[in-house]
Amino acid sequence: MREIEFALKEKVGTIMVDSKYELELINQIAESL
């Protein structure tokens, strides 16, 4: 049970990092327009 919880947290963390990176990318594109 604990392993599943850890795997979920790892996935969620990765998703959060990905979306944060995407937001940075969008901001950079918006600034250059």
Protein backbone atom coordinates (compact mmCIF):
# COMPACT_ATOMS: atom_id res chain seq x y z
CA MET A 1 0.00 0.00 0.00
CA ARG A 2 2.80 2.39 0.88
CA GLU A 3 4.56 1.69 -2.42
CA ILE A 4 1.46 2.65 -4.40
CA GLU A 5 1.15 5.89 -2.42
CA PHE A 6 4.78 6.70 -3.14
CA ALA A 7 4.34 5.96 -6.85
CA LEU A 8 1.28 8.24 -6.98
CA LYS A 9 3.12 11.06 -5.22
CA GLU A 10 6.02 10.65 -7.63
CA LYS A 11 3.64 10.83 -10.63
CA VAL A 12 1.83 13.86 -9.25
CA GLY A 13 5.15 15.57 -8.54
CA THR A 14 6.26 14.94 -12.10
CA ILE A 15 2.99 16.30 -13.46
CA MET A 16 3.36 19.42 -11.32
CA VAL A 17 6.91 19.95 -12.58
CA ASP A 18 5.77 19.44 -16.17
CA SER A 19 2.92 21.94 -15.90
CA LYS A 20 5.22 24.46 -14.20
CA TYR A 21 7.67 24.07 -17.10
CA GLU A 22 4.84 24.49 -19.60
CA LEU A 23 3.71 27.67 -17.84
CA GLU A 24 7.24 29.08 -18.04
CA LEU A 25 7.34 28.23 -21.74
CA ILE A 26 3.96 29.89 -22.35
CA ASN A 27 5.08 33.00 -20.47
CA GLN A 28 8.26 33.22 -22.56
CA ILE A 29 6.30 32.87 -25.80
CA ALA A 30 3.76 35.48 -24.67
CA GLU A 31 6.54 37.94 -23.83
CA SER A 32 8.21 37.51 -27.21
CA LEU A 33 5.00 38.18 -29.15
